[in-house]
């Protein structure tokens, strides 16, 4: 696993920890329970060490279940999340 989310519940932001080779891109897609894309992010990795990133701007999403899809190169992973009050 190249990334992890600090908590599977979120309110207005997601905190990610990841370890991806320098110079690679980390891409994230947040989908609602119907499969619609709600938010995307892309970040170029600046160093070899483990990094933390806070994905902000999720205030306006409705409460409910979401799927986070993270990828870098050919590696992909999915996580189930819940937006709550």
N, C-alpha and C. Protein backbone atom coordinates (compact mmCIF):
# COMPACT_ATOMS: atom_id res chain seq x y z
N UNK A 1 0.84 -1.17 0.00
CA UNK A 1 0.00 0.00 0.00
C UNK A 1 0.89 1.24 0.00
N UNK A 2 0.63 2.17 -0.89
CA UNK A 2 1.46 3.36 -1.00
C UNK A 2 0.85 4.58 -0.32
N UNK A 3 -0.42 4.46 0.13
CA UNK A 3 -1.07 5.58 0.80
C UNK A 3 -2.04 5.09 1.86
N UNK A 4 -2.31 5.97 2.82
CA UNK A 4 -3.35 5.65 3.79
C UNK A 4 -4.04 6.94 4.20
N UNK A 5 -5.30 6.79 4.56
CA UNK A 5 -6.10 7.92 5.02
C UNK A 5 -6.09 7.88 6.54
N UNK A 6 -5.90 9.03 7.15
CA UNK A 6 -5.84 9.10 8.62
C UNK A 6 -7.12 8.56 9.25
N UNK A 7 -8.28 8.83 8.64
CA UNK A 7 -9.55 8.36 9.17
C UNK A 7 -10.50 8.07 8.01
N UNK A 8 -11.33 7.05 8.15
CA UNK A 8 -12.28 6.73 7.08
C UNK A 8 -13.52 7.61 7.16
N UNK A 9 -13.60 8.47 8.17
CA UNK A 9 -14.66 9.47 8.28
C UNK A 9 -14.07 10.85 8.04
N UNK A 10 -14.80 11.71 7.32
CA UNK A 10 -14.31 13.06 7.10
C UNK A 10 -15.48 14.04 7.17
N UNK A 11 -15.14 15.31 7.36
CA UNK A 11 -16.15 16.36 7.41
C UNK A 11 -15.94 17.33 6.25
N UNK A 12 -14.77 17.98 6.21
CA UNK A 12 -14.51 18.94 5.14
C UNK A 12 -13.16 18.75 4.46
N UNK A 13 -12.37 17.77 4.93
CA UNK A 13 -11.05 17.52 4.34
C UNK A 13 -10.62 16.08 4.63
N UNK A 14 -9.73 15.58 3.78
CA UNK A 14 -9.14 14.25 3.96
C UNK A 14 -7.65 14.41 4.20
N UNK A 15 -7.12 13.73 5.19
CA UNK A 15 -5.68 13.75 5.44
C UNK A 15 -5.10 12.44 4.95
N UNK A 16 -4.16 12.54 4.02
CA UNK A 16 -3.52 11.38 3.41
C UNK A 16 -2.05 11.33 3.80
N UNK A 17 -1.54 10.12 3.98
CA UNK A 17 -0.11 9.88 4.11
C UNK A 17 0.27 8.96 2.97
N UNK A 18 1.35 9.27 2.27
CA UNK A 18 1.72 8.43 1.14
C UNK A 18 3.23 8.36 0.98
N UNK A 19 3.63 7.29 0.32
CA UNK A 19 5.03 7.05 0.03
C UNK A 19 5.11 6.66 -1.44
N UNK A 20 5.44 7.63 -2.26
CA UNK A 20 5.48 7.46 -3.72
C UNK A 20 6.84 7.97 -4.18
N UNK A 21 7.47 7.32 -5.17
CA UNK A 21 8.78 7.78 -5.65
C UNK A 21 8.77 9.24 -6.12
N UNK A 22 9.85 9.94 -5.85
CA UNK A 22 10.01 11.35 -6.25
C UNK A 22 9.78 11.51 -7.75
N UNK A 23 9.11 12.58 -8.12
CA UNK A 23 8.86 12.87 -9.53
C UNK A 23 7.58 12.24 -10.08
N UNK A 24 6.98 11.31 -9.34
CA UNK A 24 5.73 10.68 -9.78
C UNK A 24 4.55 11.55 -9.39
N UNK A 25 3.41 11.28 -10.00
CA UNK A 25 2.18 11.98 -9.66
C UNK A 25 1.27 11.06 -8.86
N UNK A 26 0.66 11.61 -7.84
CA UNK A 26 -0.37 10.91 -7.08
C UNK A 26 -1.70 11.51 -7.53
N UNK A 27 -2.60 10.66 -7.99
CA UNK A 27 -3.91 11.11 -8.44
C UNK A 27 -4.98 10.55 -7.52
N UNK A 28 -5.96 11.38 -7.22
CA UNK A 28 -7.06 10.95 -6.37
C UNK A 28 -8.39 11.32 -6.99
N UNK A 29 -9.35 10.40 -6.90
CA UNK A 29 -10.71 10.64 -7.37
C UNK A 29 -11.64 10.24 -6.23
N UNK A 30 -12.53 11.14 -5.86
CA UNK A 30 -13.52 10.87 -4.83
C UNK A 30 -14.87 10.75 -5.51
N UNK A 31 -15.50 9.56 -5.35
CA UNK A 31 -16.78 9.29 -5.99
C UNK A 31 -17.86 9.06 -4.93
N UNK A 32 -19.09 9.47 -5.26
CA UNK A 32 -20.19 9.22 -4.33
C UNK A 32 -20.68 7.79 -4.49
N UNK A 33 -21.71 7.43 -3.73
CA UNK A 33 -22.19 6.04 -3.74
C UNK A 33 -22.86 5.64 -5.05
N UNK A 34 -23.13 6.60 -5.94
CA UNK A 34 -23.69 6.30 -7.26
C UNK A 34 -22.60 6.18 -8.33
N UNK A 35 -21.35 6.46 -7.94
CA UNK A 35 -20.23 6.36 -8.87
C UNK A 35 -19.89 7.66 -9.58
N UNK A 36 -20.57 8.76 -9.23
CA UNK A 36 -20.28 10.06 -9.84
C UNK A 36 -19.04 10.67 -9.22
N UNK A 37 -18.20 11.27 -10.05
CA UNK A 37 -16.98 11.92 -9.57
C UNK A 37 -17.36 13.23 -8.87
N UNK A 38 -16.96 13.36 -7.62
CA UNK A 38 -17.27 14.54 -6.81
C UNK A 38 -16.09 15.50 -6.70
N UNK A 39 -14.88 14.96 -6.69
CA UNK A 39 -13.69 15.78 -6.55
C UNK A 39 -12.49 15.00 -7.06
N UNK A 40 -11.51 15.73 -7.59
CA UNK A 40 -10.27 15.11 -8.05
C UNK A 40 -9.09 15.93 -7.56
N UNK A 41 -7.95 15.29 -7.45
CA UNK A 41 -6.71 15.99 -7.11
C UNK A 41 -5.55 15.28 -7.78
N UNK A 42 -4.50 16.07 -8.04
CA UNK A 42 -3.27 15.51 -8.59
C UNK A 42 -2.12 16.26 -7.93
N UNK A 43 -1.14 15.51 -7.47
CA UNK A 43 -0.02 16.11 -6.76
C UNK A 43 1.29 15.48 -7.23
N UNK A 44 2.24 16.33 -7.60
CA UNK A 44 3.57 15.84 -7.97
C UNK A 44 4.38 15.68 -6.69
N UNK A 45 5.02 14.53 -6.56
CA UNK A 45 5.78 14.21 -5.36
C UNK A 45 7.16 14.87 -5.43
N UNK A 46 7.49 15.62 -4.38
CA UNK A 46 8.72 16.41 -4.38
C UNK A 46 9.90 15.71 -3.72
N UNK A 47 9.64 14.71 -2.86
CA UNK A 47 10.76 14.07 -2.18
C UNK A 47 10.51 12.57 -2.02
N UNK A 48 11.54 11.85 -1.63
CA UNK A 48 11.48 10.40 -1.46
C UNK A 48 10.85 9.98 -0.13
N UNK A 49 10.81 10.89 0.82
CA UNK A 49 10.30 10.53 2.15
C UNK A 49 8.77 10.48 2.16
N UNK A 50 8.22 9.89 3.23
CA UNK A 50 6.77 9.82 3.37
C UNK A 50 6.23 11.24 3.53
N UNK A 51 5.16 11.54 2.81
CA UNK A 51 4.57 12.87 2.86
C UNK A 51 3.15 12.82 3.37
N UNK A 52 2.67 13.96 3.84
CA UNK A 52 1.29 14.12 4.25
C UNK A 52 0.65 15.18 3.37
N UNK A 53 -0.62 14.99 3.06
CA UNK A 53 -1.35 15.94 2.22
C UNK A 53 -2.76 16.06 2.76
N UNK A 54 -3.27 17.28 2.85
CA UNK A 54 -4.64 17.51 3.27
C UNK A 54 -5.44 17.94 2.05
N UNK A 55 -6.41 17.13 1.68
CA UNK A 55 -7.28 17.39 0.53
C UNK A 55 -8.45 18.19 1.06
N UNK A 56 -8.46 19.48 0.76
CA UNK A 56 -9.48 20.37 1.28
C UNK A 56 -10.56 20.64 0.22
N UNK A 57 -11.55 21.43 0.61
CA UNK A 57 -12.60 21.82 -0.32
C UNK A 57 -13.73 20.81 -0.43
N UNK A 58 -13.90 19.98 0.58
CA UNK A 58 -14.93 18.95 0.53
C UNK A 58 -16.16 19.32 1.37
N UNK A 59 -16.23 20.59 1.80
CA UNK A 59 -17.35 21.07 2.63
C UNK A 59 -18.70 20.89 1.96
N UNK A 60 -18.77 21.19 0.68
CA UNK A 60 -20.06 21.24 -0.02
C UNK A 60 -20.61 19.87 -0.42
N UNK A 61 -19.84 18.83 -0.21
CA UNK A 61 -20.34 17.49 -0.56
C UNK A 61 -21.42 17.07 0.43
N UNK A 62 -22.46 16.39 -0.05
CA UNK A 62 -23.50 15.91 0.88
C UNK A 62 -22.97 14.79 1.77
N UNK A 63 -23.61 14.63 2.92
CA UNK A 63 -23.24 13.55 3.82
C UNK A 63 -23.56 12.21 3.16
N UNK A 64 -22.74 11.19 3.43
CA UNK A 64 -22.99 9.87 2.88
C UNK A 64 -21.72 9.08 2.66
N UNK A 65 -21.84 8.02 1.86
CA UNK A 65 -20.73 7.10 1.57
C UNK A 65 -20.02 7.52 0.29
N UNK A 66 -18.69 7.38 0.31
CA UNK A 66 -17.85 7.75 -0.83
C UNK A 66 -16.79 6.68 -1.04
N UNK A 67 -16.25 6.66 -2.26
CA UNK A 67 -15.12 5.79 -2.58
C UNK A 67 -13.96 6.69 -3.02
N UNK A 68 -12.81 6.48 -2.41
CA UNK A 68 -11.61 7.20 -2.78
C UNK A 68 -10.74 6.27 -3.61
N UNK A 69 -10.40 6.70 -4.81
CA UNK A 69 -9.52 5.94 -5.70
C UNK A 69 -8.21 6.70 -5.83
N UNK A 70 -7.13 6.09 -5.40
CA UNK A 70 -5.80 6.68 -5.49
C UNK A 70 -4.95 5.88 -6.47
N UNK A 71 -4.15 6.59 -7.25
CA UNK A 71 -3.28 5.88 -8.19
C UNK A 71 -1.98 6.66 -8.39
N UNK A 72 -0.95 5.92 -8.71
CA UNK A 72 0.32 6.49 -9.19
C UNK A 72 0.91 5.44 -10.11
N UNK A 73 1.13 5.82 -11.36
CA UNK A 73 1.59 4.85 -12.35
C UNK A 73 0.57 3.74 -12.50
N UNK A 74 1.01 2.50 -12.42
CA UNK A 74 0.11 1.34 -12.55
C UNK A 74 -0.49 0.90 -11.21
N UNK A 75 -0.03 1.47 -10.12
CA UNK A 75 -0.55 1.10 -8.79
C UNK A 75 -1.85 1.86 -8.51
N UNK A 76 -2.86 1.12 -8.08
CA UNK A 76 -4.14 1.72 -7.73
C UNK A 76 -4.64 1.13 -6.42
N UNK A 77 -5.41 1.91 -5.70
CA UNK A 77 -6.06 1.42 -4.50
C UNK A 77 -7.37 2.17 -4.29
N UNK A 78 -8.30 1.49 -3.63
CA UNK A 78 -9.60 2.08 -3.34
C UNK A 78 -9.88 1.96 -1.86
N UNK A 79 -10.57 2.98 -1.33
CA UNK A 79 -10.96 2.98 0.07
C UNK A 79 -12.38 3.50 0.18
N UNK A 80 -13.13 2.92 1.09
CA UNK A 80 -14.48 3.39 1.38
C UNK A 80 -14.40 4.41 2.50
N UNK A 81 -15.11 5.53 2.30
CA UNK A 81 -15.12 6.62 3.27
C UNK A 81 -16.55 7.04 3.57
N UNK A 82 -16.72 7.78 4.67
CA UNK A 82 -18.03 8.31 5.04
C UNK A 82 -17.86 9.78 5.40
N UNK A 83 -18.68 10.63 4.75
CA UNK A 83 -18.72 12.04 5.15
C UNK A 83 -19.81 12.16 6.18
N UNK A 84 -19.48 12.76 7.33
CA UNK A 84 -20.44 12.86 8.40
C UNK A 84 -20.48 14.26 8.98
N UNK A 85 -21.39 14.46 9.89
CA UNK A 85 -21.58 15.77 10.52
C UNK A 85 -20.43 16.08 11.45
